[in-house]
N, C-alpha and C. Protein backbone atom coordinates (compact mmCIF):
# COMPACT_ATOMS: atom_id res chain seq x y z
N MET A 1 -5.86 -31.85 -2.14
CA MET A 1 -6.42 -30.70 -2.54
C MET A 1 -5.77 -30.18 -3.88
N ASN A 2 -6.51 -29.55 -4.81
CA ASN A 2 -5.82 -29.17 -6.01
C ASN A 2 -6.32 -27.65 -6.30
N ILE A 3 -5.62 -26.94 -7.10
CA ILE A 3 -5.94 -25.72 -7.69
C ILE A 3 -6.03 -25.79 -9.25
N GLU A 4 -7.08 -25.29 -9.80
CA GLU A 4 -7.29 -25.27 -11.14
C GLU A 4 -7.24 -23.81 -11.58
N ILE A 5 -6.36 -23.46 -12.61
CA ILE A 5 -6.34 -22.12 -13.17
C ILE A 5 -7.20 -22.23 -14.51
N GLN A 6 -8.29 -21.53 -14.55
CA GLN A 6 -9.19 -21.52 -15.76
C GLN A 6 -8.91 -20.22 -16.47
N ILE A 7 -8.63 -20.26 -17.68
CA ILE A 7 -8.59 -19.14 -18.56
C ILE A 7 -9.60 -19.23 -19.55
N LYS A 8 -10.66 -18.43 -19.48
CA LYS A 8 -11.72 -18.43 -20.37
C LYS A 8 -12.42 -17.05 -20.47
N ASP A 9 -12.67 -16.75 -21.79
CA ASP A 9 -13.49 -15.48 -22.06
C ASP A 9 -12.75 -14.22 -21.48
N LYS A 10 -11.50 -14.26 -21.54
CA LYS A 10 -10.71 -13.10 -20.93
C LYS A 10 -10.75 -12.97 -19.48
N GLN A 11 -11.05 -14.07 -18.79
CA GLN A 11 -11.24 -14.07 -17.27
C GLN A 11 -10.21 -15.17 -16.77
N ILE A 12 -9.56 -14.83 -15.68
CA ILE A 12 -8.80 -15.84 -14.93
C ILE A 12 -9.69 -16.28 -13.72
N THR A 13 -9.81 -17.62 -13.62
CA THR A 13 -10.49 -18.12 -12.28
C THR A 13 -9.59 -19.17 -11.62
N LEU A 14 -9.39 -19.01 -10.51
CA LEU A 14 -8.68 -19.83 -9.58
C LEU A 14 -9.67 -20.67 -8.81
N ILE A 15 -9.57 -21.96 -8.97
CA ILE A 15 -10.62 -22.78 -8.21
C ILE A 15 -10.01 -23.82 -7.34
N LEU A 16 -10.25 -23.78 -6.07
CA LEU A 16 -9.73 -24.70 -5.16
C LEU A 16 -10.72 -25.95 -5.01
N LYS A 17 -10.16 -27.05 -5.27
CA LYS A 17 -10.93 -28.33 -5.33
C LYS A 17 -10.41 -29.37 -4.38
N GLU A 18 -11.32 -30.11 -3.95
CA GLU A 18 -10.84 -31.39 -3.17
C GLU A 18 -11.94 -32.51 -3.59
N LYS A 19 -11.32 -33.55 -4.15
CA LYS A 19 -12.11 -34.62 -4.68
C LYS A 19 -13.16 -34.26 -5.58
N GLY A 20 -12.72 -33.42 -6.46
CA GLY A 20 -13.58 -33.02 -7.50
C GLY A 20 -14.76 -31.84 -7.09
N GLN A 21 -14.76 -31.69 -5.85
CA GLN A 21 -15.77 -30.66 -5.38
C GLN A 21 -15.01 -29.30 -5.27
N THR A 22 -15.70 -28.22 -5.79
CA THR A 22 -15.20 -26.86 -5.64
C THR A 22 -15.42 -26.33 -4.19
N LEU A 23 -14.42 -25.89 -3.58
CA LEU A 23 -14.38 -25.49 -2.22
C LEU A 23 -14.49 -23.92 -2.23
N ASP A 24 -13.64 -23.28 -3.18
CA ASP A 24 -13.67 -21.82 -3.13
C ASP A 24 -13.08 -21.47 -4.51
N SER A 25 -13.33 -20.21 -4.96
CA SER A 25 -12.84 -19.68 -6.18
C SER A 25 -12.55 -18.15 -5.99
N SER A 26 -11.69 -17.75 -6.91
CA SER A 26 -11.58 -16.28 -7.11
C SER A 26 -11.28 -15.99 -8.53
N ASP A 27 -11.61 -14.91 -9.00
CA ASP A 27 -11.36 -14.53 -10.43
C ASP A 27 -11.00 -13.08 -10.65
N PHE A 28 -10.38 -12.84 -11.71
CA PHE A 28 -9.92 -11.39 -12.01
C PHE A 28 -9.86 -11.31 -13.61
N PRO A 29 -10.01 -10.24 -14.10
CA PRO A 29 -9.92 -10.12 -15.64
C PRO A 29 -8.41 -10.34 -16.14
N GLU A 30 -8.35 -11.01 -17.34
CA GLU A 30 -7.12 -11.17 -17.97
C GLU A 30 -6.70 -9.89 -18.69
N GLU A 31 -5.85 -9.12 -18.08
CA GLU A 31 -5.48 -7.78 -18.67
C GLU A 31 -4.00 -7.82 -18.99
N ARG A 32 -3.42 -8.90 -19.24
CA ARG A 32 -2.00 -8.82 -19.74
C ARG A 32 -1.10 -8.57 -18.56
N GLN A 33 -1.51 -8.92 -17.23
CA GLN A 33 -0.81 -8.72 -16.12
C GLN A 33 -0.78 -9.98 -15.25
N LEU A 34 -0.88 -11.11 -15.97
CA LEU A 34 -1.03 -12.33 -15.22
C LEU A 34 0.17 -12.71 -14.36
N SER A 35 1.40 -12.34 -14.96
CA SER A 35 2.60 -12.47 -14.24
C SER A 35 2.71 -11.67 -12.82
N GLU A 36 2.06 -10.67 -12.85
CA GLU A 36 2.01 -9.83 -11.57
C GLU A 36 0.99 -10.31 -10.68
N LYS A 37 -0.21 -10.91 -11.04
CA LYS A 37 -1.37 -11.12 -10.28
C LYS A 37 -1.47 -12.63 -9.86
N LEU A 38 -0.94 -13.52 -10.65
CA LEU A 38 -1.28 -14.91 -10.48
C LEU A 38 -0.78 -15.35 -9.07
N LEU A 39 0.47 -15.33 -8.67
CA LEU A 39 0.87 -15.80 -7.37
C LEU A 39 0.33 -15.11 -6.18
N PRO A 40 0.22 -13.71 -6.16
CA PRO A 40 -0.52 -13.17 -5.10
C PRO A 40 -1.97 -13.54 -4.98
N SER A 41 -2.65 -13.89 -6.09
CA SER A 41 -4.05 -14.34 -6.12
C SER A 41 -4.10 -15.72 -5.46
N ILE A 42 -3.19 -16.61 -5.88
CA ILE A 42 -3.08 -17.93 -5.24
C ILE A 42 -2.90 -17.79 -3.71
N ASP A 43 -1.97 -16.95 -3.36
CA ASP A 43 -1.69 -16.80 -1.90
C ASP A 43 -2.97 -16.31 -1.20
N LYS A 44 -3.68 -15.38 -1.66
CA LYS A 44 -4.86 -14.92 -1.14
C LYS A 44 -5.94 -15.95 -0.95
N LEU A 45 -6.09 -16.89 -1.97
CA LEU A 45 -6.96 -18.00 -1.95
C LEU A 45 -6.62 -18.96 -0.78
N LEU A 46 -5.22 -19.18 -0.79
CA LEU A 46 -4.95 -20.09 0.32
C LEU A 46 -5.13 -19.53 1.77
N LYS A 47 -4.75 -18.31 1.85
CA LYS A 47 -4.93 -17.74 3.19
C LYS A 47 -6.35 -17.70 3.62
N ARG A 48 -7.20 -17.36 2.62
CA ARG A 48 -8.71 -17.17 3.03
C ARG A 48 -9.29 -18.54 3.46
N ASN A 49 -8.65 -19.65 2.83
CA ASN A 49 -9.00 -21.07 3.28
C ASN A 49 -8.20 -21.66 4.37
N LYS A 50 -7.35 -20.87 5.04
CA LYS A 50 -6.42 -21.24 6.10
C LYS A 50 -5.62 -22.47 5.62
N LEU A 51 -5.05 -22.45 4.32
CA LEU A 51 -4.29 -23.49 3.82
C LEU A 51 -2.85 -23.08 3.65
N LYS A 52 -1.94 -24.05 3.68
CA LYS A 52 -0.53 -23.75 3.30
C LYS A 52 -0.20 -24.24 1.94
N THR A 53 0.95 -23.94 1.37
CA THR A 53 1.33 -24.48 -0.02
C THR A 53 1.46 -25.89 0.07
N GLU A 54 1.86 -26.57 1.10
CA GLU A 54 2.02 -27.89 1.23
C GLU A 54 0.64 -28.72 1.16
N ASP A 55 -0.42 -27.97 1.34
CA ASP A 55 -1.75 -28.54 1.30
C ASP A 55 -2.25 -28.91 0.00
N ILE A 56 -1.62 -28.15 -1.11
CA ILE A 56 -2.01 -28.34 -2.41
C ILE A 56 -1.16 -29.36 -3.19
N GLU A 57 -1.77 -30.47 -3.55
CA GLU A 57 -1.09 -31.55 -4.25
C GLU A 57 -0.81 -31.26 -5.66
N LYS A 58 -1.65 -30.54 -6.36
CA LYS A 58 -1.41 -30.42 -7.83
C LYS A 58 -2.13 -29.26 -8.27
N MET A 59 -1.55 -28.60 -9.25
CA MET A 59 -2.14 -27.51 -10.00
C MET A 59 -2.37 -27.77 -11.40
N GLU A 60 -3.53 -27.50 -11.93
CA GLU A 60 -3.80 -27.63 -13.31
C GLU A 60 -4.21 -26.39 -14.01
N VAL A 61 -4.05 -26.32 -15.32
CA VAL A 61 -4.52 -25.26 -16.27
C VAL A 61 -5.43 -25.67 -17.32
N GLU A 62 -6.63 -24.94 -17.34
CA GLU A 62 -7.44 -25.16 -18.43
C GLU A 62 -7.72 -23.84 -19.11
N SER A 63 -7.45 -23.84 -20.51
CA SER A 63 -7.46 -22.50 -21.18
C SER A 63 -8.20 -22.62 -22.52
N ASP A 64 -8.88 -21.50 -22.84
CA ASP A 64 -9.50 -21.65 -24.11
C ASP A 64 -8.61 -20.79 -25.12
N LEU A 65 -7.58 -20.32 -24.68
CA LEU A 65 -6.58 -19.67 -25.49
C LEU A 65 -5.50 -20.77 -26.02
N GLY A 66 -4.99 -20.65 -27.09
CA GLY A 66 -3.93 -21.46 -27.53
C GLY A 66 -2.69 -21.53 -26.77
N ASP A 67 -1.80 -22.58 -26.86
CA ASP A 67 -0.56 -22.51 -26.14
C ASP A 67 0.47 -21.51 -26.55
N ASN A 68 0.13 -20.76 -27.60
CA ASN A 68 1.01 -19.79 -28.13
C ASN A 68 0.80 -18.49 -27.39
N PHE A 69 -0.21 -18.26 -26.69
CA PHE A 69 -0.51 -17.11 -25.96
C PHE A 69 0.36 -17.02 -24.61
N THR A 70 0.87 -15.84 -24.39
CA THR A 70 1.70 -15.65 -23.13
C THR A 70 0.94 -15.93 -21.89
N THR A 71 -0.26 -15.61 -21.79
CA THR A 71 -1.10 -15.85 -20.68
C THR A 71 -1.13 -17.36 -20.33
N THR A 72 -1.33 -18.14 -21.37
CA THR A 72 -1.51 -19.63 -21.18
C THR A 72 -0.06 -20.14 -20.83
N ARG A 73 0.94 -19.52 -21.31
CA ARG A 73 2.32 -20.14 -21.10
C ARG A 73 2.70 -19.79 -19.62
N ILE A 74 2.36 -18.50 -19.13
CA ILE A 74 2.73 -18.20 -17.74
C ILE A 74 1.83 -19.05 -16.85
N ALA A 75 0.58 -19.36 -17.00
CA ALA A 75 -0.15 -20.16 -16.14
C ALA A 75 0.44 -21.65 -16.04
N LYS A 76 0.74 -22.11 -17.36
CA LYS A 76 1.40 -23.40 -17.39
C LYS A 76 2.79 -23.60 -16.63
N THR A 77 3.46 -22.49 -16.79
CA THR A 77 4.79 -22.45 -16.13
C THR A 77 4.54 -22.42 -14.64
N VAL A 78 3.68 -21.56 -14.07
CA VAL A 78 3.55 -21.62 -12.69
C VAL A 78 2.97 -23.10 -12.17
N ALA A 79 2.03 -23.73 -12.89
CA ALA A 79 1.35 -24.95 -12.52
C ALA A 79 2.52 -25.99 -12.56
N ASN A 80 3.35 -26.02 -13.72
CA ASN A 80 4.37 -27.00 -13.78
C ASN A 80 5.35 -26.95 -12.56
N THR A 81 5.84 -25.65 -12.34
CA THR A 81 6.84 -25.40 -11.25
C THR A 81 6.25 -25.76 -9.99
N TRP A 82 4.94 -25.42 -9.65
CA TRP A 82 4.23 -25.78 -8.37
C TRP A 82 4.28 -27.35 -8.28
N ASN A 83 3.82 -28.10 -9.32
CA ASN A 83 3.85 -29.55 -9.33
C ASN A 83 5.11 -30.09 -9.10
N TRP A 84 6.19 -29.55 -9.73
CA TRP A 84 7.61 -30.13 -9.56
C TRP A 84 8.01 -29.90 -8.22
N ALA A 85 7.80 -28.67 -7.65
CA ALA A 85 8.24 -28.46 -6.21
C ALA A 85 7.49 -29.16 -5.18
N SER A 86 6.22 -29.57 -5.39
CA SER A 86 5.44 -30.30 -4.41
C SER A 86 5.96 -31.78 -4.43
N LYS A 87 6.58 -32.34 -5.51
CA LYS A 87 7.02 -33.69 -5.51
C LYS A 87 8.46 -33.66 -4.84
N GLN A 88 9.15 -32.54 -4.63
CA GLN A 88 10.37 -32.46 -4.10
C GLN A 88 10.45 -32.57 -2.53
N LYS A 89 9.22 -32.39 -1.93
CA LYS A 89 9.16 -32.42 -0.41
C LYS A 89 9.14 -33.71 0.02
């Protein structure tokens, strides 16, 4: 199972996917508070689907903002850290 973080049109969407199929999603407006909202939103998505962090194999980021935007950097940092931690298990 994977989580995709989409940043498009000032909207953050978390998409839970398995084998390319969307199972669930949640979204919230990008209001320069991503560092405060991202991890709790991921946690809610997992709990709603009765999943544990170990069930997520990979996290990806898709953004229409450039890499210089803090929002994109925060999302990529969370995804990279998640992916690194999941390989350590």
